[in-house]
């Protein structure tokens, strides 16, 4: 299950790849207490239809 508040680390990347998710959508956003330009969310997908 995906949780957007889990830091995107090398381990998370490796797990996604092992599960067959090869597409990554990266979205930048502004959030209180997050330095401007440093907030982002990564969502992983297994196919282009989902992405």
PDB file of N, CA and C in Angstrom:
ATOM      1  N   UNK A   1       0.846  -1.185   0.000  1.00  0.00           N
ATOM      2  CA  UNK A   1       0.000   0.000   0.000  1.00  0.00           C
ATOM      3  C   UNK A   1       0.886   1.242   0.000  1.00  0.00           C
ATOM      4  N   UNK A   2       0.494   2.222  -0.769  1.00  0.00           N
ATOM      5  CA  UNK A   2       1.274   3.449  -0.921  1.00  0.00           C
ATOM      6  C   UNK A   2       0.881   4.466   0.138  1.00  0.00           C
ATOM      7  N   UNK A   3       1.865   5.077   0.753  1.00  0.00           N
ATOM      8  CA  UNK A   3       1.638   6.142   1.724  1.00  0.00           C
ATOM      9  C   UNK A   3       2.456   7.347   1.269  1.00  0.00           C
ATOM     10  N   UNK A   4       1.800   8.461   0.891  1.00  0.00           N
ATOM     11  CA  UNK A   4       2.557   9.604   0.350  1.00  0.00           C
ATOM     12  C   UNK A   4       3.456  10.299   1.358  1.00  0.00           C
ATOM     13  N   UNK A   5       3.376   9.940   2.633  1.00  0.00           N
ATOM     14  CA  UNK A   5       4.200  10.604   3.634  1.00  0.00           C
ATOM     15  C   UNK A   5       5.424   9.773   4.021  1.00  0.00           C
ATOM     16  N   UNK A   6       5.655   8.665   3.321  1.00  0.00           N
ATOM     17  CA  UNK A   6       6.855   7.874   3.524  1.00  0.00           C
ATOM     18  C   UNK A   6       7.955   8.480   2.661  1.00  0.00           C
ATOM     19  N   UNK A   7       9.117   8.769   3.230  1.00  0.00           N
ATOM     20  CA  UNK A   7      10.198   9.330   2.426  1.00  0.00           C
ATOM     21  C   UNK A   7      10.569   8.396   1.276  1.00  0.00           C
ATOM     22  N   UNK A   8      10.806   8.986   0.106  1.00  0.00           N
ATOM     23  CA  UNK A   8      11.168   8.211  -1.080  1.00  0.00           C
ATOM     24  C   UNK A   8      12.663   7.952  -1.033  1.00  0.00           C
ATOM     25  N   UNK A   9      13.024   6.772  -0.588  1.00  0.00           N
ATOM     26  CA  UNK A   9      14.428   6.401  -0.409  1.00  0.00           C
ATOM     27  C   UNK A   9      14.842   5.386  -1.474  1.00  0.00           C
ATOM     28  N   UNK A  10      16.126   5.038  -1.475  1.00  0.00           N
ATOM     29  CA  UNK A  10      16.607   3.993  -2.382  1.00  0.00           C
ATOM     30  C   UNK A  10      15.866   2.688  -2.149  1.00  0.00           C
ATOM     31  N   UNK A  11      15.578   2.377  -0.894  1.00  0.00           N
ATOM     32  CA  UNK A  11      14.870   1.137  -0.574  1.00  0.00           C
ATOM     33  C   UNK A  11      13.460   1.141  -1.152  1.00  0.00           C
ATOM     34  N   UNK A  12      12.782   2.271  -1.083  1.00  0.00           N
ATOM     35  CA  UNK A  12      11.430   2.385  -1.651  1.00  0.00           C
ATOM     36  C   UNK A  12      11.500   2.229  -3.168  1.00  0.00           C
ATOM     37  N   UNK A  13      12.497   2.840  -3.795  1.00  0.00           N
ATOM     38  CA  UNK A  13      12.684   2.710  -5.234  1.00  0.00           C
ATOM     39  C   UNK A  13      12.927   1.250  -5.622  1.00  0.00           C
ATOM     40  N   UNK A  14      13.828   0.579  -4.915  1.00  0.00           N
ATOM     41  CA  UNK A  14      14.125  -0.821  -5.213  1.00  0.00           C
ATOM     42  C   UNK A  14      12.893  -1.701  -5.048  1.00  0.00           C
ATOM     43  N   UNK A  15      12.112  -1.468  -4.001  1.00  0.00           N
ATOM     44  CA  UNK A  15      10.904  -2.253  -3.778  1.00  0.00           C
ATOM     45  C   UNK A  15       9.911  -2.052  -4.922  1.00  0.00           C
ATOM     46  N   UNK A  16       9.724  -0.818  -5.349  1.00  0.00           N
ATOM     47  CA  UNK A  16       8.801  -0.535  -6.453  1.00  0.00           C
ATOM     48  C   UNK A  16       9.244  -1.260  -7.716  1.00  0.00           C
ATOM     49  N   UNK A  17      10.535  -1.218  -8.004  1.00  0.00           N
ATOM     50  CA  UNK A  17      11.052  -1.890  -9.195  1.00  0.00           C
ATOM     51  C   UNK A  17      10.876  -3.402  -9.102  1.00  0.00           C
ATOM     52  N   UNK A  18      11.104  -3.973  -7.921  1.00  0.00           N
ATOM     53  CA  UNK A  18      10.909  -5.412  -7.735  1.00  0.00           C
ATOM     54  C   UNK A  18       9.450  -5.811  -7.930  1.00  0.00           C
ATOM     55  N   UNK A  19       8.534  -4.909  -7.627  1.00  0.00           N
ATOM     56  CA  UNK A  19       7.108  -5.183  -7.775  1.00  0.00           C
ATOM     57  C   UNK A  19       6.608  -4.900  -9.190  1.00  0.00           C
ATOM     58  N   UNK A  20       7.517  -4.500 -10.078  1.00  0.00           N
ATOM     59  CA  UNK A  20       7.153  -4.280 -11.469  1.00  0.00           C
ATOM     60  C   UNK A  20       6.658  -2.891 -11.791  1.00  0.00           C
ATOM     61  N   UNK A  21       6.853  -1.944 -10.888  1.00  0.00           N
ATOM     62  CA  UNK A  21       6.450  -0.558 -11.136  1.00  0.00           C
ATOM     63  C   UNK A  21       7.641   0.196 -11.723  1.00  0.00           C
ATOM     64  N   UNK A  22       7.527   0.542 -13.012  1.00  0.00           N
ATOM     65  CA  UNK A  22       8.641   1.187 -13.703  1.00  0.00           C
ATOM     66  C   UNK A  22       8.330   2.612 -14.142  1.00  0.00           C
ATOM     67  N   UNK A  23       7.131   3.067 -13.881  1.00  0.00           N
ATOM     68  CA  UNK A  23       6.748   4.430 -14.243  1.00  0.00           C
ATOM     69  C   UNK A  23       6.603   5.259 -12.977  1.00  0.00           C
ATOM     70  N   UNK A  24       7.182   6.447 -12.982  1.00  0.00           N
ATOM     71  CA  UNK A  24       7.163   7.309 -11.805  1.00  0.00           C
ATOM     72  C   UNK A  24       6.650   8.686 -12.199  1.00  0.00           C
ATOM     73  N   UNK A  25       5.636   9.148 -11.515  1.00  0.00           N
ATOM     74  CA  UNK A  25       5.117  10.502 -11.711  1.00  0.00           C
ATOM     75  C   UNK A  25       5.564  11.318 -10.511  1.00  0.00           C
ATOM     76  N   UNK A  26       6.291  12.385 -10.783  1.00  0.00           N
ATOM     77  CA  UNK A  26       6.810  13.241  -9.727  1.00  0.00           C
ATOM     78  C   UNK A  26       6.077  14.570  -9.794  1.00  0.00           C
ATOM     79  N   UNK A  27       5.473  14.941  -8.661  1.00  0.00           N
ATOM     80  CA  UNK A  27       4.713  16.195  -8.584  1.00  0.00           C
ATOM     81  C   UNK A  27       5.323  17.075  -7.498  1.00  0.00           C
ATOM     82  N   UNK A  28       5.587  18.318  -7.866  1.00  0.00           N
ATOM     83  CA  UNK A  28       6.085  19.278  -6.884  1.00  0.00           C
ATOM     84  C   UNK A  28       4.893  19.997  -6.274  1.00  0.00           C
ATOM     85  N   UNK A  29       4.972  20.303  -4.980  1.00  0.00           N
ATOM     86  CA  UNK A  29       3.890  21.014  -4.328  1.00  0.00           C
ATOM     87  C   UNK A  29       4.430  21.870  -3.187  1.00  0.00           C
ATOM     88  N   UNK A  30       3.629  22.817  -2.781  1.00  0.00           N
ATOM     89  CA  UNK A  30       3.965  23.658  -1.628  1.00  0.00           C
ATOM     90  C   UNK A  30       3.213  23.132  -0.420  1.00  0.00           C
ATOM     91  N   UNK A  31       3.893  23.021   0.697  1.00  0.00           N
ATOM     92  CA  UNK A  31       3.301  22.492   1.914  1.00  0.00           C
ATOM     93  C   UNK A  31       3.860  23.283   3.084  1.00  0.00           C
ATOM     94  N   UNK A  32       3.033  23.612   4.061  1.00  0.00           N
ATOM     95  CA  UNK A  32       3.550  24.359   5.208  1.00  0.00           C
ATOM     96  C   UNK A  32       4.734  23.635   5.861  1.00  0.00           C
ATOM     97  N   UNK A  33       5.717  24.392   6.265  1.00  0.00           N
ATOM     98  CA  UNK A  33       6.915  23.914   6.949  1.00  0.00           C
ATOM     99  C   UNK A  33       7.871  23.122   6.053  1.00  0.00           C
ATOM    100  N   UNK A  34       7.593  23.070   4.748  1.00  0.00           N
ATOM    101  CA  UNK A  34       8.520  22.441   3.798  1.00  0.00           C
ATOM    102  C   UNK A  34       9.153  23.570   2.993  1.00  0.00           C
ATOM    103  N   UNK A  35      10.480  23.573   2.945  1.00  0.00           N
ATOM    104  CA  UNK A  35      11.198  24.627   2.250  1.00  0.00           C
ATOM    105  C   UNK A  35      10.715  24.749   0.803  1.00  0.00           C
ATOM    106  N   UNK A  36      10.522  25.994   0.358  1.00  0.00           N
ATOM    107  CA  UNK A  36      10.008  26.245  -0.986  1.00  0.00           C
ATOM    108  C   UNK A  36      10.862  25.549  -2.039  1.00  0.00           C
ATOM    109  N   UNK A  37      10.196  24.828  -2.945  1.00  0.00           N
ATOM    110  CA  UNK A  37      10.887  24.118  -3.998  1.00  0.00           C
ATOM    111  C   UNK A  37      11.419  22.745  -3.595  1.00  0.00           C
ATOM    112  N   UNK A  38      11.193  22.345  -2.345  1.00  0.00           N
ATOM    113  CA  UNK A  38      11.717  21.061  -1.860  1.00  0.00           C
ATOM    114  C   UNK A  38      10.618  20.023  -1.626  1.00  0.00           C
ATOM    115  N   UNK A  39       9.350  20.413  -1.734  1.00  0.00           N
ATOM    116  CA  UNK A  39       8.261  19.466  -1.504  1.00  0.00           C
ATOM    117  C   UNK A  39       7.873  18.759  -2.788  1.00  0.00           C
ATOM    118  N   UNK A  40       7.818  17.438  -2.747  1.00  0.00           N
ATOM    119  CA  UNK A  40       7.383  16.695  -3.915  1.00  0.00           C
ATOM    120  C   UNK A  40       6.790  15.357  -3.483  1.00  0.00           C
ATOM    121  N   UNK A  41       6.061  14.755  -4.389  1.00  0.00           N
ATOM    122  CA  UNK A  41       5.467  13.452  -4.145  1.00  0.00           C
ATOM    123  C   UNK A  41       5.736  12.580  -5.367  1.00  0.00           C
ATOM    124  N   UNK A  42       6.108  11.343  -5.132  1.00  0.00           N
ATOM    125  CA  UNK A  42       6.362  10.389  -6.206  1.00  0.00           C
ATOM    126  C   UNK A  42       5.283   9.315  -6.132  1.00  0.00           C
ATOM    127  N   UNK A  43       4.644   9.057  -7.259  1.00  0.00           N
ATOM    128  CA  UNK A  43       3.655   7.994  -7.349  1.00  0.00           C
ATOM    129  C   UNK A  43       4.156   6.998  -8.384  1.00  0.00           C
ATOM    130  N   UNK A  44       4.121   5.717  -8.032  1.00  0.00           N
ATOM    131  CA  UNK A  44       4.626   4.691  -8.932  1.00  0.00           C
ATOM    132  C   UNK A  44       3.496   3.924  -9.586  1.00  0.00           C
ATOM    133  N   UNK A  45       3.729   3.506 -10.824  1.00  0.00           N
ATOM    134  CA  UNK A  45       2.719   2.790 -11.605  1.00  0.00           C
ATOM    135  C   UNK A  45       3.363   1.636 -12.357  1.00  0.00           C
ATOM    136  N   UNK A  46       2.566   0.614 -12.633  1.00  0.00           N
ATOM    137  CA  UNK A  46       3.041  -0.533 -13.399  1.00  0.00           C
ATOM    138  C   UNK A  46       2.719  -0.420 -14.875  1.00  0.00           C
ATOM    139  N   UNK A  47       1.784   0.475 -15.244  1.00  0.00           N
ATOM    140  CA  UNK A  47       1.408   0.603 -16.659  1.00  0.00           C
ATOM    141  C   UNK A  47       1.058   2.046 -16.989  1.00  0.00           C
ATOM    142  N   UNK A  48       1.065   2.353 -18.274  1.00  0.00           N
ATOM    143  CA  UNK A  48       0.814   3.725 -18.708  1.00  0.00           C
ATOM    144  C   UNK A  48      -0.642   4.125 -18.506  1.00  0.00           C
ATOM    145  N   UNK A  49      -1.549   3.170 -18.517  1.00  0.00           N
ATOM    146  CA  UNK A  49      -2.955   3.522 -18.283  1.00  0.00           C
ATOM    147  C   UNK A  49      -3.153   4.102 -16.892  1.00  0.00           C
ATOM    148  N   UNK A  50      -2.522   3.522 -15.893  1.00  0.00           N
ATOM    149  CA  UNK A  50      -2.639   4.025 -14.536  1.00  0.00           C
ATOM    150  C   UNK A  50      -1.942   5.358 -14.353  1.00  0.00           C
ATOM    151  N   UNK A  51      -0.771   5.470 -14.985  1.00  0.00           N
ATOM    152  CA  UNK A  51       0.011   6.699 -14.854  1.00  0.00           C
ATOM    153  C   UNK A  51      -0.666   7.832 -15.601  1.00  0.00           C
TER     154      UNK A  51
END
